Amino acid sequence: MSTDDLPLEILMDDVVHLLETPNQKPRIIDCREPDEWAICHLEGAELVPLSQFGELAPQRFQDPQQHVVIYCHHGMRSQRAAAWLRQRGLQKAQSMRGGIDAWSVAIDPTIPRY
């Protein structure tokens, strides 16, 4: 599968693999709101709240070749954000299935659940 054929959703295990592989690390975006970010977030993630996506995206996402993985609480807002970016030419934008809640269950139980 070429990077041009990336599915809209990416599995957590695939994100873990990418983060552990030199030269393949995607940019990690948290599209939740600041109050949710304050509870927990993934290390190295950047906060771009979905409520401000349209206003912030033009400055924050300028490289159409960059691989971007977006997450939220359960995976619904991040799907909308990834689809929105793809409609604007960022074909390597993906939503992490299950969001940070599933990540805290399956990958890192030190991340608080809410």
N, C-alpha and C. Protein backbone atom coordinates (compact mmCIF):
# COMPACT_ATOMS: atom_id res chain seq x y z
N MET A 1 0.84 -1.18 0.00
CA MET A 1 0.00 0.00 0.00
C MET A 1 0.89 1.24 0.00
N SER A 2 0.67 2.12 -0.95
CA SER A 2 1.46 3.34 -1.00
C SER A 2 0.91 4.33 0.03
N THR A 3 1.70 5.33 0.34
CA THR A 3 1.24 6.31 1.31
C THR A 3 0.07 7.10 0.76
N ASP A 4 -0.10 7.12 -0.56
CA ASP A 4 -1.24 7.82 -1.15
C ASP A 4 -2.54 7.07 -0.90
N ASP A 5 -2.44 5.80 -0.53
CA ASP A 5 -3.62 4.97 -0.31
C ASP A 5 -3.87 4.71 1.17
N LEU A 6 -3.36 5.56 2.04
CA LEU A 6 -3.54 5.36 3.48
C LEU A 6 -5.03 5.43 3.82
N PRO A 7 -5.52 4.49 4.62
CA PRO A 7 -6.92 4.57 5.05
C PRO A 7 -7.12 5.76 5.98
N LEU A 8 -8.37 6.19 6.11
CA LEU A 8 -8.67 7.33 6.98
C LEU A 8 -8.33 7.02 8.43
N GLU A 9 -8.54 5.77 8.84
CA GLU A 9 -8.23 5.39 10.23
C GLU A 9 -6.96 4.56 10.28
N ILE A 10 -6.24 4.72 11.39
CA ILE A 10 -5.04 3.94 11.64
C ILE A 10 -5.20 3.28 13.01
N LEU A 11 -4.77 2.03 13.11
CA LEU A 11 -4.86 1.29 14.36
C LEU A 11 -3.78 1.75 15.34
N MET A 12 -4.07 1.66 16.63
CA MET A 12 -3.10 2.07 17.65
C MET A 12 -1.78 1.33 17.51
N ASP A 13 -1.83 0.02 17.26
CA ASP A 13 -0.60 -0.76 17.11
C ASP A 13 0.26 -0.22 15.98
N ASP A 14 -0.38 0.23 14.91
CA ASP A 14 0.37 0.79 13.79
C ASP A 14 0.99 2.14 14.17
N VAL A 15 0.29 2.91 14.98
CA VAL A 15 0.85 4.18 15.46
C VAL A 15 2.07 3.91 16.33
N VAL A 16 1.96 2.93 17.23
CA VAL A 16 3.10 2.56 18.09
C VAL A 16 4.29 2.19 17.22
N HIS A 17 4.06 1.37 16.21
CA HIS A 17 5.14 0.94 15.31
C HIS A 17 5.79 2.15 14.63
N LEU A 18 4.97 3.05 14.11
CA LEU A 18 5.51 4.24 13.44
C LEU A 18 6.33 5.09 14.40
N LEU A 19 5.83 5.26 15.62
CA LEU A 19 6.54 6.09 16.60
C LEU A 19 7.88 5.48 17.02
N GLU A 20 7.99 4.16 16.91
CA GLU A 20 9.23 3.47 17.29
C GLU A 20 10.19 3.30 16.11
N THR A 21 9.77 3.69 14.91
CA THR A 21 10.59 3.50 13.72
C THR A 21 11.21 4.82 13.29
N PRO A 22 12.55 4.90 13.32
CA PRO A 22 13.20 6.14 12.88
C PRO A 22 12.78 6.49 11.45
N ASN A 23 12.68 7.76 11.18
CA ASN A 23 12.33 8.30 9.86
C ASN A 23 10.89 8.01 9.44
N GLN A 24 10.06 7.46 10.31
CA GLN A 24 8.66 7.22 9.97
C GLN A 24 7.71 7.85 10.97
N LYS A 25 8.25 8.62 11.91
CA LYS A 25 7.40 9.17 12.96
C LYS A 25 6.42 10.19 12.37
N PRO A 26 5.14 9.95 12.56
CA PRO A 26 4.15 10.92 12.09
C PRO A 26 4.05 12.08 13.08
N ARG A 27 3.46 13.14 12.64
CA ARG A 27 3.14 14.26 13.52
C ARG A 27 1.85 13.87 14.25
N ILE A 28 1.83 13.96 15.57
CA ILE A 28 0.69 13.54 16.38
C ILE A 28 -0.09 14.79 16.81
N ILE A 29 -1.37 14.81 16.45
CA ILE A 29 -2.24 15.96 16.73
C ILE A 29 -3.39 15.51 17.63
N ASP A 30 -3.61 16.24 18.70
CA ASP A 30 -4.74 16.02 19.61
C ASP A 30 -5.79 17.06 19.24
N CYS A 31 -6.97 16.60 18.81
CA CYS A 31 -7.99 17.56 18.39
C CYS A 31 -9.07 17.77 19.45
N ARG A 32 -8.78 17.32 20.69
CA ARG A 32 -9.73 17.56 21.79
C ARG A 32 -9.62 19.02 22.24
N GLU A 33 -10.39 19.38 23.22
CA GLU A 33 -10.39 20.74 23.72
C GLU A 33 -9.36 20.90 24.85
N PRO A 34 -8.95 22.15 25.15
CA PRO A 34 -7.91 22.37 26.16
C PRO A 34 -8.20 21.75 27.53
N ASP A 35 -9.47 21.71 27.96
CA ASP A 35 -9.76 21.11 29.26
C ASP A 35 -9.51 19.60 29.24
N GLU A 36 -9.73 18.96 28.09
CA GLU A 36 -9.44 17.53 27.97
C GLU A 36 -7.93 17.29 27.90
N TRP A 37 -7.24 18.14 27.18
CA TRP A 37 -5.77 18.07 27.07
C TRP A 37 -5.14 18.16 28.45
N ALA A 38 -5.71 19.02 29.31
CA ALA A 38 -5.17 19.20 30.66
C ALA A 38 -5.28 17.91 31.50
N ILE A 39 -6.27 17.07 31.21
CA ILE A 39 -6.43 15.81 31.93
C ILE A 39 -5.35 14.82 31.52
N CYS A 40 -5.13 14.70 30.21
CA CYS A 40 -4.13 13.77 29.69
C CYS A 40 -3.90 14.05 28.21
N HIS A 41 -2.74 13.66 27.74
CA HIS A 41 -2.44 13.72 26.30
C HIS A 41 -1.22 12.85 26.03
N LEU A 42 -1.04 12.51 24.77
CA LEU A 42 0.10 11.69 24.39
C LEU A 42 1.36 12.54 24.35
N GLU A 43 2.44 11.96 24.82
CA GLU A 43 3.72 12.66 24.80
C GLU A 43 4.09 13.03 23.37
N GLY A 44 4.50 14.26 23.18
CA GLY A 44 4.91 14.73 21.87
C GLY A 44 3.77 15.22 20.98
N ALA A 45 2.54 15.11 21.46
CA ALA A 45 1.39 15.56 20.67
C ALA A 45 1.29 17.07 20.67
N GLU A 46 0.61 17.60 19.66
CA GLU A 46 0.32 19.02 19.57
C GLU A 46 -1.19 19.19 19.68
N LEU A 47 -1.63 20.21 20.40
CA LEU A 47 -3.05 20.47 20.56
C LEU A 47 -3.54 21.40 19.45
N VAL A 48 -4.51 20.92 18.68
CA VAL A 48 -5.22 21.73 17.69
C VAL A 48 -6.70 21.38 17.86
N PRO A 49 -7.40 22.10 18.74
CA PRO A 49 -8.78 21.75 19.04
C PRO A 49 -9.67 21.77 17.81
N LEU A 50 -10.55 20.78 17.71
CA LEU A 50 -11.45 20.71 16.57
C LEU A 50 -12.29 21.98 16.46
N SER A 51 -12.66 22.58 17.59
CA SER A 51 -13.46 23.81 17.57
C SER A 51 -12.73 24.97 16.91
N GLN A 52 -11.40 24.87 16.76
CA GLN A 52 -10.61 25.93 16.14
C GLN A 52 -9.88 25.44 14.89
N PHE A 53 -10.23 24.24 14.43
CA PHE A 53 -9.49 23.62 13.34
C PHE A 53 -9.46 24.48 12.08
N GLY A 54 -10.63 24.97 11.67
CA GLY A 54 -10.69 25.76 10.45
C GLY A 54 -9.85 27.01 10.50
N GLU A 55 -9.76 27.60 11.68
CA GLU A 55 -8.99 28.83 11.84
C GLU A 55 -7.49 28.55 11.98
N LEU A 56 -7.11 27.46 12.67
CA LEU A 56 -5.69 27.17 12.93
C LEU A 56 -5.02 26.35 11.83
N ALA A 57 -5.79 25.52 11.14
CA ALA A 57 -5.20 24.58 10.18
C ALA A 57 -4.34 25.22 9.10
N PRO A 58 -4.74 26.34 8.49
CA PRO A 58 -3.90 26.90 7.43
C PRO A 58 -2.47 27.20 7.87
N GLN A 59 -2.30 27.63 9.14
CA GLN A 59 -0.94 27.91 9.63
C GLN A 59 -0.24 26.65 10.13
N ARG A 60 -1.01 25.70 10.67
CA ARG A 60 -0.43 24.54 11.35
C ARG A 60 -0.14 23.36 10.41
N PHE A 61 -0.84 23.30 9.28
CA PHE A 61 -0.69 22.16 8.36
C PHE A 61 -0.40 22.67 6.96
N GLN A 62 0.88 22.87 6.68
CA GLN A 62 1.26 23.44 5.40
C GLN A 62 1.95 22.46 4.47
N ASP A 63 2.40 21.32 4.99
CA ASP A 63 3.13 20.35 4.18
C ASP A 63 2.19 19.21 3.77
N PRO A 64 1.76 19.18 2.50
CA PRO A 64 0.82 18.14 2.07
C PRO A 64 1.42 16.74 2.09
N GLN A 65 2.74 16.62 2.20
CA GLN A 65 3.39 15.30 2.24
C GLN A 65 3.60 14.77 3.65
N GLN A 66 3.29 15.58 4.65
CA GLN A 66 3.53 15.17 6.04
C GLN A 66 2.48 14.16 6.50
N HIS A 67 2.95 13.11 7.16
CA HIS A 67 2.04 12.11 7.74
C HIS A 67 1.56 12.66 9.08
N VAL A 68 0.25 12.82 9.22
CA VAL A 68 -0.36 13.38 10.41
C VAL A 68 -1.33 12.34 11.00
N VAL A 69 -1.15 12.02 12.28
CA VAL A 69 -2.08 11.14 12.98
C VAL A 69 -2.80 11.99 14.02
N ILE A 70 -4.13 12.00 13.92
CA ILE A 70 -4.95 12.81 14.81
C ILE A 70 -5.72 11.90 15.75
N TYR A 71 -5.81 12.32 17.01
CA TYR A 71 -6.62 11.55 17.95
C TYR A 71 -7.50 12.49 18.75
N CYS A 72 -8.54 11.90 19.34
CA CYS A 72 -9.44 12.62 20.24
C CYS A 72 -9.74 11.68 21.40
N HIS A 73 -10.92 11.78 21.99
CA HIS A 73 -11.25 10.93 23.13
C HIS A 73 -11.56 9.49 22.68
N HIS A 74 -12.48 9.34 21.72
CA HIS A 74 -12.86 8.00 21.27
C HIS A 74 -12.67 7.76 19.77
N GLY A 75 -12.35 8.77 19.01
CA GLY A 75 -12.06 8.58 17.59
C GLY A 75 -13.03 9.21 16.62
N MET A 76 -14.08 9.83 17.10
CA MET A 76 -15.06 10.43 16.18
C MET A 76 -14.63 11.82 15.71
N ARG A 77 -14.22 12.68 16.62
CA ARG A 77 -13.78 14.02 16.22
C ARG A 77 -12.53 13.94 15.35
N SER A 78 -11.63 13.01 15.68
CA SER A 78 -10.41 12.89 14.89
C SER A 78 -10.70 12.41 13.47
N GLN A 79 -11.74 11.60 13.29
CA GLN A 79 -12.14 11.22 11.93
C GLN A 79 -12.57 12.45 11.14
N ARG A 80 -13.36 13.30 11.77
CA ARG A 80 -13.80 14.52 11.10
C ARG A 80 -12.61 15.42 10.75
N ALA A 81 -11.67 15.54 11.69
CA ALA A 81 -10.50 16.39 11.46
C ALA A 81 -9.64 15.83 10.33
N ALA A 82 -9.40 14.52 10.32
CA ALA A 82 -8.59 13.90 9.27
C ALA A 82 -9.26 14.04 7.91
N ALA A 83 -10.57 13.81 7.86
CA ALA A 83 -11.31 13.95 6.60
C ALA A 83 -11.24 15.40 6.11
N TRP A 84 -11.36 16.35 7.03
CA TRP A 84 -11.30 17.77 6.68
C TRP A 84 -9.94 18.11 6.06
N LEU A 85 -8.85 17.60 6.69
CA LEU A 85 -7.51 17.85 6.14
C LEU A 85 -7.34 17.20 4.78
N ARG A 86 -7.86 16.00 4.61
CA ARG A 86 -7.75 15.32 3.32
C ARG A 86 -8.47 16.09 2.22
N GLN A 87 -9.60 16.67 2.56
CA GLN A 87 -10.34 17.48 1.58
C GLN A 87 -9.54 18.70 1.15
N ARG A 88 -8.56 19.06 1.95
CA ARG A 88 -7.73 20.23 1.66
C ARG A 88 -6.32 19.84 1.22
N GLY A 89 -6.15 18.59 0.79
CA GLY A 89 -4.90 18.18 0.16
C GLY A 89 -3.91 17.42 1.02
N LEU A 90 -4.18 17.23 2.30
CA LEU A 90 -3.26 16.48 3.15
C LEU A 90 -3.70 15.01 3.17
N GLN A 91 -3.32 14.28 2.15
CA GLN A 91 -3.79 12.90 1.96
C GLN A 91 -3.19 11.92 2.96
N LYS A 92 -2.20 12.36 3.72
CA LYS A 92 -1.58 11.48 4.72
C LYS A 92 -2.10 11.78 6.12
N ALA A 93 -3.26 12.40 6.22
CA ALA A 93 -3.90 12.64 7.52
C ALA A 93 -4.71 11.40 7.88
N GLN A 94 -4.51 10.90 9.11
CA GLN A 94 -5.24 9.73 9.58
C GLN A 94 -5.77 9.95 10.99
N SER A 95 -6.86 9.28 11.29
CA SER A 95 -7.47 9.30 12.61
C SER A 95 -7.09 8.02 13.34
N MET A 96 -6.64 8.16 14.59
CA MET A 96 -6.29 6.97 15.37
C MET A 96 -7.56 6.34 15.94
N ARG A 97 -7.85 5.13 15.50
CA ARG A 97 -9.06 4.43 15.94
C ARG A 97 -9.06 4.23 17.45
N GLY A 98 -10.18 4.57 18.08
CA GLY A 98 -10.35 4.37 19.52
C GLY A 98 -9.93 5.54 20.39
N GLY A 99 -9.15 6.45 19.83
CA GLY A 99 -8.74 7.64 20.57
C GLY A 99 -7.87 7.36 21.78
N ILE A 100 -7.68 8.39 22.59
CA ILE A 100 -6.80 8.29 23.75
C ILE A 100 -7.39 7.37 24.82
N ASP A 101 -8.71 7.22 24.83
CA ASP A 101 -9.32 6.32 25.81
C ASP A 101 -8.88 4.88 25.54
N ALA A 102 -8.95 4.44 24.30
CA ALA A 102 -8.51 3.09 23.95
C ALA A 102 -7.00 2.94 24.13
N TRP A 103 -6.25 4.01 23.84
CA TRP A 103 -4.79 3.99 24.03
C TRP A 103 -4.46 3.72 25.49
N SER A 104 -5.19 4.37 26.40
CA SER A 104 -4.91 4.20 27.83
C SER A 104 -5.24 2.78 28.29
N VAL A 105 -6.17 2.12 27.63
CA VAL A 105 -6.52 0.74 27.97
C VAL A 105 -5.52 -0.25 27.37
N ALA A 106 -5.21 -0.08 26.09
CA ALA A 106 -4.43 -1.08 25.36
C ALA A 106 -2.92 -0.84 25.33
N ILE A 107 -2.50 0.42 25.40
CA ILE A 107 -1.09 0.74 25.19
C ILE A 107 -0.42 1.28 26.46
N ASP A 108 -1.01 2.27 27.10
CA ASP A 108 -0.36 2.93 28.23
C ASP A 108 -1.37 3.20 29.36
N PRO A 109 -1.47 2.27 30.31
CA PRO A 109 -2.44 2.43 31.39
C PRO A 109 -2.12 3.57 32.36
N THR A 110 -0.96 4.23 32.22
CA THR A 110 -0.65 5.37 33.07
C THR A 110 -1.39 6.61 32.63
N ILE A 111 -1.95 6.60 31.41
CA ILE A 111 -2.72 7.74 30.93
C ILE A 111 -4.10 7.70 31.56
N PRO A 112 -4.48 8.77 32.26
CA PRO A 112 -5.79 8.76 32.94
C PRO A 112 -6.95 8.64 31.96
N ARG A 113 -7.98 7.94 32.40
CA ARG A 113 -9.23 7.84 31.63
C ARG A 113 -10.25 8.77 32.26
N TYR A 114 -11.11 9.30 31.42
CA TYR A 114 -12.18 10.18 31.92
C TYR A 114 -13.45 9.95 31.15
